[in-house]
Amino acid sequence: MYIIKVKGIAKIPDYIQLRDEQFTLLAYFRVDRPEKSIEKCGLAAHTEYLNELIKTIPFGVIQKLELNGDQ
C-alpha cells in the first residue's frame, strides 16, 4: 500500500490518498479529518499510527506503507 499527502490550493483542503500495489485509489480523505475514513477502509486498528504518519510525511511524496499488527 502507498500513501500520498496532496497539498490543496485556495479553498481546496489538503488530502491524503491511500493506494494499493497496482496504484488503484483505495481511500481519499482530508488531512484534518482522517479518523472516519481510516475506519471505513478497514484500517481502524492502525488509526494512531496513520495519524502520526499523516502529520509527518511531506507533501507530494509517494511513500510505501507497511501495516502489520505491530503498528
C-alpha atoms as a PDB file:
ATOM      1  CA  MET A   1       0.000   0.000   0.000  1.00  0.00           C
ATOM      2  CA  TYR A   2       1.131   3.565  -0.668  1.00  0.00           C
ATOM      3  CA  ILE A   3       0.287   6.879   0.998  1.00  0.00           C
ATOM      4  CA  ILE A   4       0.472  10.313  -0.622  1.00  0.00           C
ATOM      5  CA  LYS A   5      -0.164  13.691   1.013  1.00  0.00           C
ATOM      6  CA  VAL A   6      -1.564  16.174  -1.526  1.00  0.00           C
ATOM      7  CA  LYS A   7      -1.365  19.934  -0.922  1.00  0.00           C
ATOM      8  CA  GLY A   8      -4.614  21.767  -1.540  1.00  0.00           C
ATOM      9  CA  ILE A   9      -4.830  25.225  -3.074  1.00  0.00           C
ATOM     10  CA  ALA A  10      -7.115  28.155  -2.270  1.00  0.00           C
ATOM     11  CA  LYS A  11     -10.398  26.679  -0.965  1.00  0.00           C
ATOM     12  CA  ILE A  12      -9.415  23.065  -1.694  1.00  0.00           C
ATOM     13  CA  PRO A  13      -8.086  21.409   1.503  1.00  0.00           C
ATOM     14  CA  ASP A  14      -5.054  19.130   1.861  1.00  0.00           C
ATOM     15  CA  TYR A  15      -5.810  15.461   1.197  1.00  0.00           C
ATOM     16  CA  ILE A  16      -4.378  12.005   1.789  1.00  0.00           C
ATOM     17  CA  GLN A  17      -4.542   9.233  -0.807  1.00  0.00           C
ATOM     18  CA  LEU A  18      -4.138   5.549   0.033  1.00  0.00           C
ATOM     19  CA  ARG A  19      -3.330   3.374  -2.969  1.00  0.00           C
ATOM     20  CA  ASP A  20      -2.738  -0.366  -3.422  1.00  0.00           C
ATOM     21  CA  GLU A  21       0.202  -2.112  -5.104  1.00  0.00           C
ATOM     22  CA  GLN A  22      -1.324  -1.501  -8.570  1.00  0.00           C
ATOM     23  CA  PHE A  23      -1.743   2.165  -7.565  1.00  0.00           C
ATOM     24  CA  THR A  24      -5.551   1.923  -7.512  1.00  0.00           C
ATOM     25  CA  LEU A  25      -7.111   4.526  -5.227  1.00  0.00           C
ATOM     26  CA  LEU A  26      -8.356   2.876  -2.011  1.00  0.00           C
ATOM     27  CA  ALA A  27      -9.165   5.955   0.063  1.00  0.00           C
ATOM     28  CA  TYR A  28      -9.113   9.730  -0.359  1.00  0.00           C
ATOM     29  CA  PHE A  29      -9.692  11.929   2.674  1.00  0.00           C
ATOM     30  CA  ARG A  30      -8.909  15.295   4.214  1.00  0.00           C
ATOM     31  CA  VAL A  31      -5.769  15.638   6.312  1.00  0.00           C
ATOM     32  CA  ASP A  32      -7.654  17.389   9.117  1.00  0.00           C
ATOM     33  CA  ARG A  33     -10.334  14.663   9.496  1.00  0.00           C
ATOM     34  CA  PRO A  34      -8.821  11.235   8.785  1.00  0.00           C
ATOM     35  CA  GLU A  35     -10.378   9.023  11.508  1.00  0.00           C
ATOM     36  CA  LYS A  36     -13.733   8.256   9.885  1.00  0.00           C
ATOM     37  CA  SER A  37     -12.168   7.450   6.504  1.00  0.00           C
ATOM     38  CA  ILE A  38      -9.434   5.312   8.054  1.00  0.00           C
ATOM     39  CA  GLU A  39     -12.149   3.308   9.793  1.00  0.00           C
ATOM     40  CA  LYS A  40     -14.231   2.987   6.587  1.00  0.00           C
ATOM     41  CA  CYS A  41     -11.342   1.484   4.626  1.00  0.00           C
ATOM     42  CA  GLY A  42     -10.742  -1.169   7.309  1.00  0.00           C
ATOM     43  CA  LEU A  43      -7.649   0.301   8.937  1.00  0.00           C
ATOM     44  CA  ALA A  44      -9.166   1.277  12.302  1.00  0.00           C
ATOM     45  CA  ALA A  45      -6.553  -0.794  14.148  1.00  0.00           C
ATOM     46  CA  HIS A  46      -3.859   1.475  12.670  1.00  0.00           C
ATOM     47  CA  THR A  47      -5.540   4.841  13.317  1.00  0.00           C
ATOM     48  CA  GLU A  48      -2.971   6.130  15.818  1.00  0.00           C
ATOM     49  CA  TYR A  49      -0.024   5.164  13.603  1.00  0.00           C
ATOM     50  CA  LEU A  50      -1.628   6.648  10.475  1.00  0.00           C
ATOM     51  CA  ASN A  51      -2.495   9.910  12.261  1.00  0.00           C
ATOM     52  CA  GLU A  52       1.136  10.361  13.318  1.00  0.00           C
ATOM     53  CA  LEU A  53       2.366   9.464   9.834  1.00  0.00           C
ATOM     54  CA  ILE A  54      -0.040  11.935   8.207  1.00  0.00           C
ATOM     55  CA  LYS A  55       1.351  14.725  10.398  1.00  0.00           C
ATOM     56  CA  THR A  56       4.969  13.999   9.482  1.00  0.00           C
ATOM     57  CA  ILE A  57       5.079  12.959   5.816  1.00  0.00           C
ATOM     58  CA  PRO A  58       5.917  15.680   3.289  1.00  0.00           C
ATOM     59  CA  PHE A  59       3.507  16.819   0.596  1.00  0.00           C
ATOM     60  CA  GLY A  60       3.786  15.225  -2.841  1.00  0.00           C
ATOM     61  CA  VAL A  61       5.977  12.269  -1.870  1.00  0.00           C
ATOM     62  CA  ILE A  62       4.721   8.738  -2.545  1.00  0.00           C
ATOM     63  CA  GLN A  63       5.629   6.630   0.464  1.00  0.00           C
ATOM     64  CA  LYS A  64       5.398   2.856   0.832  1.00  0.00           C
ATOM     65  CA  LEU A  65       3.085   2.000   3.717  1.00  0.00           C
ATOM     66  CA  GLU A  66       3.749  -1.245   5.561  1.00  0.00           C
ATOM     67  CA  LEU A  67       0.998  -2.074   8.029  1.00  0.00           C
ATOM     68  CA  ASN A  68       1.123  -5.055  10.354  1.00  0.00           C
ATOM     69  CA  GLY A  69      -0.110  -5.989  13.808  1.00  0.00           C
ATOM     70  CA  ASP A  70       2.847  -4.194  15.446  1.00  0.00           C
ATOM     71  CA  GLN A  71       1.717  -0.687  14.480  1.00  0.00           C
END
